Amino acid sequence: MVHALTSQQQAVVDALVSSGRFSNERDVLDEALELLRQRDDLRARLELGIEQLDRGERHRAEDIFAELRQRRSNG
Protein backbone atom coordinates (compact mmCIF):
# COMPACT_ATOMS: atom_id res chain seq x y z
CA MET A 1 0.00 0.00 0.00
CA VAL A 2 1.38 3.39 -0.99
CA HIS A 3 0.96 6.30 1.37
CA ALA A 4 0.82 9.96 0.45
CA LEU A 5 4.13 11.76 0.00
CA THR A 6 5.32 14.21 2.61
CA SER A 7 5.27 17.86 1.57
CA GLN A 8 9.06 17.78 1.11
CA GLN A 9 8.87 14.67 -1.09
CA GLN A 10 6.06 16.18 -3.14
CA ALA A 11 8.08 19.37 -3.61
CA VAL A 12 10.99 17.35 -5.02
CA VAL A 13 8.67 15.46 -7.37
CA ASP A 14 6.98 18.68 -8.47
CA ALA A 15 10.33 20.35 -9.13
CA LEU A 16 11.51 17.41 -11.25
CA VAL A 17 8.32 17.45 -13.32
CA SER A 18 8.36 21.26 -13.62
CA SER A 19 11.97 21.18 -14.82
CA GLY A 20 10.89 19.06 -17.77
CA ARG A 21 13.19 16.24 -16.74
CA PHE A 22 10.15 14.01 -16.18
CA SER A 23 6.76 14.09 -17.87
CA ASN A 24 4.75 13.25 -14.78
CA GLU A 25 4.87 12.01 -11.20
CA ARG A 26 4.71 8.37 -12.24
CA ASP A 27 7.88 8.75 -14.33
CA VAL A 28 9.67 10.16 -11.27
CA LEU A 29 8.54 7.21 -9.17
CA ASP A 30 9.48 4.70 -11.87
CA GLU A 31 12.99 6.17 -12.11
CA ALA A 32 13.40 6.23 -8.32
CA LEU A 33 12.33 2.60 -8.01
CA GLU A 34 14.66 1.53 -10.82
CA LEU A 35 17.58 3.30 -9.14
CA LEU A 36 16.78 1.56 -5.86
CA ARG A 37 16.70 -1.79 -7.65
CA GLN A 38 20.07 -1.05 -9.27
CA ARG A 39 21.54 -0.01 -5.92
CA ASP A 40 20.37 -3.21 -4.26
CA ASP A 41 21.76 -5.26 -7.14
CA LEU A 42 25.11 -3.49 -6.86
CA ARG A 43 25.23 -4.07 -3.11
CA ALA A 44 24.53 -7.78 -3.61
CA ARG A 45 27.26 -8.01 -6.23
CA LEU A 46 29.71 -6.23 -3.95
CA GLU A 47 28.88 -8.60 -1.10
CA LEU A 48 29.48 -11.55 -3.42
CA GLY A 49 32.82 -10.05 -4.45
CA ILE A 50 33.84 -9.57 -0.84
CA GLU A 51 32.92 -13.18 -0.06
CA GLN A 52 34.96 -14.36 -3.05
CA LEU A 53 37.96 -12.33 -1.88
CA ASP A 54 37.60 -13.76 1.62
CA ARG A 55 37.75 -17.26 0.09
CA GLY A 56 40.93 -16.29 -1.75
CA GLU A 57 39.31 -16.08 -5.17
CA ARG A 58 41.15 -13.35 -7.04
CA HIS A 59 40.91 -11.89 -10.53
CA ARG A 60 43.37 -9.73 -12.37
CA ALA A 61 42.33 -6.05 -12.42
CA GLU A 62 43.05 -5.87 -16.16
CA ASP A 63 40.55 -8.67 -16.80
CA ILE A 64 37.87 -7.02 -14.70
CA PHE A 65 38.28 -3.65 -16.41
CA ALA A 66 38.24 -5.31 -19.84
CA GLU A 67 34.95 -7.01 -18.93
CA LEU A 68 33.46 -3.73 -17.69
CA ARG A 69 34.48 -1.94 -20.90
CA GLN A 70 32.92 -4.74 -22.94
CA ARG A 71 29.66 -4.54 -20.98
CA ARG A 72 29.55 -0.76 -21.37
CA SER A 73 30.06 -0.95 -25.14
CA ASN A 74 27.33 -3.61 -25.47
CA GLY A 75 24.67 -1.62 -23.86
PDB file of N, CA and C in Angstrom:
ATOM      1  N   MET A   1       0.847  -1.178   0.000  1.00  0.00           N
ATOM      2  CA  MET A   1       0.000   0.000   0.000  1.00  0.00           C
ATOM      3  C   MET A   1       0.894   1.243   0.000  1.00  0.00           C
ATOM      4  N   VAL A   2       0.599   2.165  -0.883  1.00  0.00           N
ATOM      5  CA  VAL A   2       1.384   3.387  -0.992  1.00  0.00           C
ATOM      6  C   VAL A   2       0.698   4.495  -0.199  1.00  0.00           C
ATOM      7  N   HIS A   3       1.482   5.184   0.593  1.00  0.00           N
ATOM      8  CA  HIS A   3       0.962   6.298   1.373  1.00  0.00           C
ATOM      9  C   HIS A   3       1.282   7.599   0.647  1.00  0.00           C
ATOM     10  N   ALA A   4       0.593   8.650   1.053  1.00  0.00           N
ATOM     11  CA  ALA A   4       0.817   9.963   0.447  1.00  0.00           C
ATOM     12  C   ALA A   4       2.243  10.426   0.740  1.00  0.00           C
ATOM     13  N   LEU A   5       2.790  11.204  -0.170  1.00  0.00           N
ATOM     14  CA  LEU A   5       4.128  11.764   0.005  1.00  0.00           C
ATOM     15  C   LEU A   5       4.091  12.881   1.045  1.00  0.00           C
ATOM     16  N   THR A   6       5.218  13.061   1.711  1.00  0.00           N
ATOM     17  CA  THR A   6       5.325  14.213   2.607  1.00  0.00           C
ATOM     18  C   THR A   6       5.378  15.468   1.744  1.00  0.00           C
ATOM     19  N   SER A   7       5.219  16.621   2.347  1.00  0.00           N
ATOM     20  CA  SER A   7       5.273  17.860   1.574  1.00  0.00           C
ATOM     21  C   SER A   7       6.657  18.062   0.961  1.00  0.00           C
ATOM     22  N   GLN A   8       7.699  17.658   1.657  1.00  0.00           N
ATOM     23  CA  GLN A   8       9.060  17.778   1.108  1.00  0.00           C
ATOM     24  C   GLN A   8       9.252  16.847  -0.089  1.00  0.00           C
ATOM     25  N   GLN A   9       8.767  15.614   0.024  1.00  0.00           N
ATOM     26  CA  GLN A   9       8.873  14.669  -1.089  1.00  0.00           C
ATOM     27  C   GLN A   9       8.087  15.168  -2.299  1.00  0.00           C
ATOM     28  N   GLN A  10       6.892  15.677  -2.051  1.00  0.00           N
ATOM     29  CA  GLN A  10       6.059  16.180  -3.141  1.00  0.00           C
ATOM     30  C   GLN A  10       6.723  17.367  -3.816  1.00  0.00           C
ATOM     31  N   ALA A  11       7.375  18.218  -3.044  1.00  0.00           N
ATOM     32  CA  ALA A  11       8.077  19.368  -3.608  1.00  0.00           C
ATOM     33  C   ALA A  11       9.203  18.921  -4.541  1.00  0.00           C
ATOM     34  N   VAL A  12       9.917  17.876  -4.160  1.00  0.00           N
ATOM     35  CA  VAL A  12      10.986  17.350  -5.019  1.00  0.00           C
ATOM     36  C   VAL A  12      10.393  16.803  -6.312  1.00  0.00           C
ATOM     37  N   VAL A  13       9.327  16.024  -6.190  1.00  0.00           N
ATOM     38  CA  VAL A  13       8.672  15.459  -7.371  1.00  0.00           C
ATOM     39  C   VAL A  13       8.161  16.578  -8.276  1.00  0.00           C
ATOM     40  N   ASP A  14       7.501  17.563  -7.691  1.00  0.00           N
ATOM     41  CA  ASP A  14       6.977  18.683  -8.475  1.00  0.00           C
ATOM     42  C   ASP A  14       8.089  19.437  -9.197  1.00  0.00           C
ATOM     43  N   ALA A  15       9.214  19.633  -8.517  1.00  0.00           N
ATOM     44  CA  ALA A  15      10.333  20.345  -9.131  1.00  0.00           C
ATOM     45  C   ALA A  15      10.907  19.548 -10.304  1.00  0.00           C
ATOM     46  N   LEU A  16      10.981  18.240 -10.165  1.00  0.00           N
ATOM     47  CA  LEU A  16      11.506  17.408 -11.247  1.00  0.00           C
ATOM     48  C   LEU A  16      10.584  17.421 -12.458  1.00  0.00           C
ATOM     49  N   VAL A  17       9.284  17.388 -12.207  1.00  0.00           N
ATOM     50  CA  VAL A  17       8.322  17.447 -13.319  1.00  0.00           C
ATOM     51  C   VAL A  17       8.338  18.844 -13.944  1.00  0.00           C
ATOM     52  N   SER A  18       8.356  19.879 -13.116  1.00  0.00           N
ATOM     53  CA  SER A  18       8.361  21.260 -13.619  1.00  0.00           C
ATOM     54  C   SER A  18       9.603  21.565 -14.444  1.00  0.00           C
ATOM     55  N   SER A  19      10.722  20.937 -14.095  1.00  0.00           N
ATOM     56  CA  SER A  19      11.969  21.182 -14.824  1.00  0.00           C
ATOM     57  C   SER A  19      11.931  20.595 -16.227  1.00  0.00           C
ATOM     58  N   GLY A  20      10.973  19.712 -16.474  1.00  0.00           N
ATOM     59  CA  GLY A  20      10.891  19.060 -17.770  1.00  0.00           C
ATOM     60  C   GLY A  20      11.694  17.769 -17.839  1.00  0.00           C
ATOM     61  N   ARG A  21      12.389  17.469 -16.767  1.00  0.00           N
ATOM     62  CA  ARG A  21      13.188  16.239 -16.740  1.00  0.00           C
ATOM     63  C   ARG A  21      12.291  15.004 -16.790  1.00  0.00           C
ATOM     64  N   PHE A  22      11.119  15.102 -16.183  1.00  0.00           N
ATOM     65  CA  PHE A  22      10.148  14.015 -16.184  1.00  0.00           C
ATOM     66  C   PHE A  22       8.812  14.544 -16.669  1.00  0.00           C
ATOM     67  N   SER A  23       8.057  13.679 -17.332  1.00  0.00           N
ATOM     68  CA  SER A  23       6.757  14.087 -17.872  1.00  0.00           C
ATOM     69  C   SER A  23       5.684  14.179 -16.801  1.00  0.00           C
ATOM     70  N   ASN A  24       5.778  13.294 -15.807  1.00  0.00           N
ATOM     71  CA  ASN A  24       4.747  13.254 -14.777  1.00  0.00           C
ATOM     72  C   ASN A  24       5.288  12.590 -13.518  1.00  0.00           C
ATOM     73  N   GLU A  25       4.464  12.566 -12.483  1.00  0.00           N
ATOM     74  CA  GLU A  25       4.874  12.006 -11.196  1.00  0.00           C
ATOM     75  C   GLU A  25       5.208  10.525 -11.294  1.00  0.00           C
ATOM     76  N   ARG A  26       4.462   9.806 -12.100  1.00  0.00           N
ATOM     77  CA  ARG A  26       4.714   8.369 -12.243  1.00  0.00           C
ATOM     78  C   ARG A  26       6.102   8.102 -12.806  1.00  0.00           C
ATOM     79  N   ASP A  27       6.537   8.914 -13.766  1.00  0.00           N
ATOM     80  CA  ASP A  27       7.875   8.749 -14.328  1.00  0.00           C
ATOM     81  C   ASP A  27       8.950   8.967 -13.266  1.00  0.00           C
ATOM     82  N   VAL A  28       8.723   9.921 -12.373  1.00  0.00           N
ATOM     83  CA  VAL A  28       9.669  10.162 -11.270  1.00  0.00           C
ATOM     84  C   VAL A  28       9.732   8.927 -10.379  1.00  0.00           C
ATOM     85  N   LEU A  29       8.591   8.391 -10.021  1.00  0.00           N
ATOM     86  CA  LEU A  29       8.539   7.205  -9.167  1.00  0.00           C
ATOM     87  C   LEU A  29       9.179   6.006  -9.855  1.00  0.00           C
ATOM     88  N   ASP A  30       8.888   5.811 -11.134  1.00  0.00           N
ATOM     89  CA  ASP A  30       9.484   4.701 -11.874  1.00  0.00           C
ATOM     90  C   ASP A  30      11.006   4.785 -11.867  1.00  0.00           C
ATOM     91  N   GLU A  31      11.540   5.972 -12.103  1.00  0.00           N
ATOM     92  CA  GLU A  31      12.990   6.172 -12.105  1.00  0.00           C
ATOM     93  C   GLU A  31      13.576   5.915 -10.717  1.00  0.00           C
ATOM     94  N   ALA A  32      12.915   6.414  -9.683  1.00  0.00           N
ATOM     95  CA  ALA A  32      13.400   6.226  -8.319  1.00  0.00           C
ATOM     96  C   ALA A  32      13.426   4.743  -7.952  1.00  0.00           C
ATOM     97  N   LEU A  33      12.380   4.022  -8.314  1.00  0.00           N
ATOM     98  CA  LEU A  33      12.334   2.596  -8.006  1.00  0.00           C
ATOM     99  C   LEU A  33      13.392   1.820  -8.787  1.00  0.00           C
ATOM    100  N   GLU A  34      13.623   2.187 -10.028  1.00  0.00           N
ATOM    101  CA  GLU A  34      14.661   1.532 -10.821  1.00  0.00           C
ATOM    102  C   GLU A  34      16.040   1.782 -10.215  1.00  0.00           C
ATOM    103  N   LEU A  35      16.298   2.993  -9.768  1.00  0.00           N
ATOM    104  CA  LEU A  35      17.585   3.297  -9.142  1.00  0.00           C
ATOM    105  C   LEU A  35      17.765   2.518  -7.840  1.00  0.00           C
ATOM    106  N   LEU A  36      16.702   2.366  -7.070  1.00  0.00           N
ATOM    107  CA  LEU A  36      16.782   1.557  -5.856  1.00  0.00           C
ATOM    108  C   LEU A  36      17.075   0.093  -6.187  1.00  0.00           C
ATOM    109  N   ARG A  37      16.443  -0.418  -7.229  1.00  0.00           N
ATOM    110  CA  ARG A  37      16.702  -1.792  -7.651  1.00  0.00           C
ATOM    111  C   ARG A  37      18.159  -1.960  -8.064  1.00  0.00           C
ATOM    112  N   GLN A  38      18.676  -0.992  -8.834  1.00  0.00           N
ATOM    113  CA  GLN A  38      20.071  -1.049  -9.271  1.00  0.00           C
ATOM    114  C   GLN A  38      21.018  -0.978  -8.078  1.00  0.00           C
ATOM    115  N   ARG A  39      20.705  -0.130  -7.111  1.00  0.00           N
ATOM    116  CA  ARG A  39      21.539  -0.007  -5.916  1.00  0.00           C
ATOM    117  C   ARG A  39      21.577  -1.315  -5.145  1.00  0.00           C
ATOM    118  N   ASP A  40      20.417  -1.933  -4.983  1.00  0.00           N
ATOM    119  CA  ASP A  40      20.366  -3.205  -4.261  1.00  0.00           C
ATOM    120  C   ASP A  40      21.130  -4.290  -5.007  1.00  0.00           C
ATOM    121  N   ASP A  41      21.027  -4.295  -6.328  1.00  0.00           N
ATOM    122  CA  ASP A  41      21.763  -5.260  -7.142  1.00  0.00           C
ATOM    123  C   ASP A  41      23.270  -5.045  -6.991  1.00  0.00           C
ATOM    124  N   LEU A  42      23.694  -3.796  -7.014  1.00  0.00           N
ATOM    125  CA  LEU A  42      25.109  -3.487  -6.856  1.00  0.00           C
ATOM    126  C   LEU A  42      25.615  -3.921  -5.484  1.00  0.00           C
ATOM    127  N   ARG A  43      24.837  -3.651  -4.457  1.00  0.00           N
ATOM    128  CA  ARG A  43      25.231  -4.071  -3.106  1.00  0.00           C
ATOM    129  C   ARG A  43      25.382  -5.584  -3.027  1.00  0.00           C
ATOM    130  N   ALA A  44      24.450  -6.316  -3.627  1.00  0.00           N
ATOM    131  CA  ALA A  44      24.528  -7.779  -3.611  1.00  0.00           C
ATOM    132  C   ALA A  44      25.770  -8.261  -4.348  1.00  0.00           C
ATOM    133  N   ARG A  45      26.073  -7.623  -5.472  1.00  0.00           N
ATOM    134  CA  ARG A  45      27.260  -8.014  -6.235  1.00  0.00           C
ATOM    135  C   ARG A  45      28.539  -7.691  -5.472  1.00  0.00           C
ATOM    136  N   LEU A  46      28.542  -6.574  -4.764  1.00  0.00           N
ATOM    137  CA  LEU A  46      29.708  -6.228  -3.950  1.00  0.00           C
ATOM    138  C   LEU A  46      29.889  -7.219  -2.810  1.00  0.00           C
ATOM    139  N   GLU A  47      28.805  -7.601  -2.174  1.00  0.00           N
ATOM    140  CA  GLU A  47      28.879  -8.598  -1.101  1.00  0.00           C
ATOM    141  C   GLU A  47      29.437  -9.920  -1.634  1.00  0.00           C
ATOM    142  N   LEU A  48      28.971 -10.328  -2.805  1.00  0.00           N
ATOM    143  CA  LEU A  48      29.480 -11.552  -3.420  1.00  0.00           C
ATOM    144  C   LEU A  48      30.979 -11.425  -3.681  1.00  0.00           C
ATOM    145  N   GLY A  49      31.402 -10.279  -4.196  1.00  0.00           N
ATOM    146  CA  GLY A  49      32.817 -10.054  -4.453  1.00  0.00           C
ATOM    147  C   GLY A  49      33.657 -10.111  -3.188  1.00  0.00           C
ATOM    148  N   ILE A  50      33.137  -9.541  -2.127  1.00  0.00           N
ATOM    149  CA  ILE A  50      33.842  -9.573  -0.838  1.00  0.00           C
ATOM    150  C   ILE A  50      33.962 -11.012  -0.347  1.00  0.00           C
ATOM    151  N   GLU A  51      32.880 -11.775  -0.468  1.00  0.00           N
ATOM    152  CA  GLU A  51      32.918 -13.182  -0.062  1.00  0.00           C
ATOM    153  C   GLU A  51      33.940 -13.958  -0.892  1.00  0.00           C
ATOM    154  N   GLN A  52      33.996 -13.686  -2.190  1.00  0.00           N
ATOM    155  CA  GLN A  52      34.961 -14.360  -3.047  1.00  0.00           C
ATOM    156  C   GLN A  52      36.392 -14.002  -2.636  1.00  0.00           C
ATOM    157  N   LEU A  53      36.623 -12.737  -2.336  1.00  0.00           N
ATOM    158  CA  LEU A  53      37.958 -12.327  -1.881  1.00  0.00           C
ATOM    159  C   LEU A  53      38.320 -13.008  -0.569  1.00  0.00           C
ATOM    160  N   ASP A  54      37.355 -13.095   0.333  1.00  0.00           N
ATOM    161  CA  ASP A  54      37.600 -13.758   1.621  1.00  0.00           C
ATOM    162  C   ASP A  54      37.967 -15.227   1.432  1.00  0.00           C
ATOM    163  N   ARG A  55      37.429 -15.853   0.382  1.00  0.00           N
ATOM    164  CA  ARG A  55      37.750 -17.256   0.088  1.00  0.00           C
ATOM    165  C   ARG A  55      39.056 -17.383  -0.698  1.00  0.00           C
ATOM    166  N   GLY A  56      39.669 -16.252  -1.010  1.00  0.00           N
ATOM    167  CA  GLY A  56      40.926 -16.289  -1.749  1.00  0.00           C
ATOM    168  C   GLY A  56      40.765 -16.299  -3.256  1.00  0.00           C
ATOM    169  N   GLU A  57      39.549 -16.112  -3.730  1.00  0.00           N
ATOM    170  CA  GLU A  57      39.314 -16.076  -5.174  1.00  0.00           C
ATOM    171  C   GLU A  57      39.682 -14.688  -5.683  1.00  0.00           C
ATOM    172  N   ARG A  58      40.662 -14.631  -6.529  1.00  0.00           N
ATOM    173  CA  ARG A  58      41.152 -13.351  -7.041  1.00  0.00           C
ATOM    174  C   ARG A  58      41.053 -13.320  -8.561  1.00  0.00           C
ATOM    175  N   HIS A  59      40.915 -12.109  -9.088  1.00  0.00           N
ATOM    176  CA  HIS A  59      40.908 -11.894 -10.532  1.00  0.00           C
ATOM    177  C   HIS A  59      41.847 -10.737 -10.840  1.00  0.00           C
ATOM    178  N   ARG A  60      42.471 -10.807 -11.969  1.00  0.00           N
ATOM    179  CA  ARG A  60      43.372  -9.728 -12.367  1.00  0.00           C
ATOM    180  C   ARG A  60      42.554  -8.472 -12.671  1.00  0.00           C
ATOM    181  N   ALA A  61      43.024  -7.330 -12.209  1.00  0.00           N
ATOM    182  CA  ALA A  61      42.327  -6.054 -12.423  1.00  0.00           C
ATOM    183  C   ALA A  61      42.143  -5.789 -13.914  1.00  0.00           C
ATOM    184  N   GLU A  62      43.144  -6.110 -14.712  1.00  0.00           N
ATOM    185  CA  GLU A  62      43.050  -5.873 -16.158  1.00  0.00           C
ATOM    186  C   GLU A  62      41.878  -6.639 -16.769  1.00  0.00           C
ATOM    187  N   ASP A  63      41.661  -7.867 -16.292  1.00  0.00           N
ATOM    188  CA  ASP A  63      40.549  -8.674 -16.801  1.00  0.00           C
ATOM    189  C   ASP A  63      39.204  -8.086 -16.404  1.00  0.00           C
ATOM    190  N   ILE A  64      39.120  -7.606 -15.179  1.00  0.00           N
ATOM    191  CA  ILE A  64      37.867  -7.018 -14.697  1.00  0.00           C
ATOM    192  C   ILE A  64      37.538  -5.752 -15.480  1.00  0.00           C
ATOM    193  N   PHE A  65      38.535  -4.884 -15.678  1.00  0.00           N
ATOM    194  CA  PHE A  65      38.283  -3.649 -16.415  1.00  0.00           C
ATOM    195  C   PHE A  65      37.947  -3.931 -17.873  1.00  0.00           C
ATOM    196  N   ALA A  66      38.563  -4.940 -18.456  1.00  0.00           N
ATOM    197  CA  ALA A  66      38.237  -5.310 -19.835  1.00  0.00           C
ATOM    198  C   ALA A  66      36.785  -5.771 -19.926  1.00  0.00           C
ATOM    199  N   GLU A  67      36.338  -6.554 -18.942  1.00  0.00           N
ATOM    200  CA  GLU A  67      34.952  -7.012 -18.935  1.00  0.00           C
ATOM    201  C   GLU A  67      33.990  -5.843 -18.765  1.00  0.00           C
ATOM    202  N   LEU A  68      34.323  -4.905 -17.884  1.00  0.00           N
ATOM    203  CA  LEU A  68      33.463  -3.731 -17.685  1.00  0.00           C
ATOM    204  C   LEU A  68      33.381  -2.886 -18.947  1.00  0.00           C
ATOM    205  N   ARG A  69      34.497  -2.706 -19.633  1.00  0.00           N
ATOM    206  CA  ARG A  69      34.480  -1.945 -20.903  1.00  0.00           C
ATOM    207  C   ARG A  69      33.613  -2.649 -21.933  1.00  0.00           C
ATOM    208  N   GLN A  70      33.718  -3.969 -21.991  1.00  0.00           N
ATOM    209  CA  GLN A  70      32.925  -4.741 -22.943  1.00  0.00           C
ATOM    210  C   GLN A  70      31.431  -4.591 -22.642  1.00  0.00           C
ATOM    211  N   ARG A  71      31.072  -4.694 -21.366  1.00  0.00           N
ATOM    212  CA  ARG A  71      29.657  -4.540 -20.980  1.00  0.00           C
ATOM    213  C   ARG A  71      29.145  -3.143 -21.348  1.00  0.00           C
ATOM    214  N   ARG A  72      29.968  -2.132 -21.089  1.00  0.00           N
ATOM    215  CA  ARG A  72      29.554  -0.756 -21.375  1.00  0.00           C
ATOM    216  C   ARG A  72      29.342  -0.561 -22.878  1.00  0.00           C
ATOM    217  N   SER A  73      30.187  -1.135 -23.696  1.00  0.00           N
ATOM    218  CA  SER A  73      30.064  -0.953 -25.137  1.00  0.00           C
ATOM    219  C   SER A  73      28.896  -1.742 -25.719  1.00  0.00           C
ATOM    220  N   ASN A  74      28.454  -2.798 -25.004  1.00  0.00           N
ATOM    221  CA  ASN A  74      27.328  -3.608 -25.473  1.00  0.00           C
ATOM    222  C   ASN A  74      25.970  -3.094 -25.013  1.00  0.00           C
ATOM    223  N   GLY A  75      25.989  -2.090 -24.187  1.00  0.00           N
ATOM    224  CA  GLY A  75      24.672  -1.616 -23.862  1.00  0.00           C
ATOM    225  C   GLY A  75      24.435  -1.076 -22.556  1.00  0.00           C
TER     226      GLY A  75
END
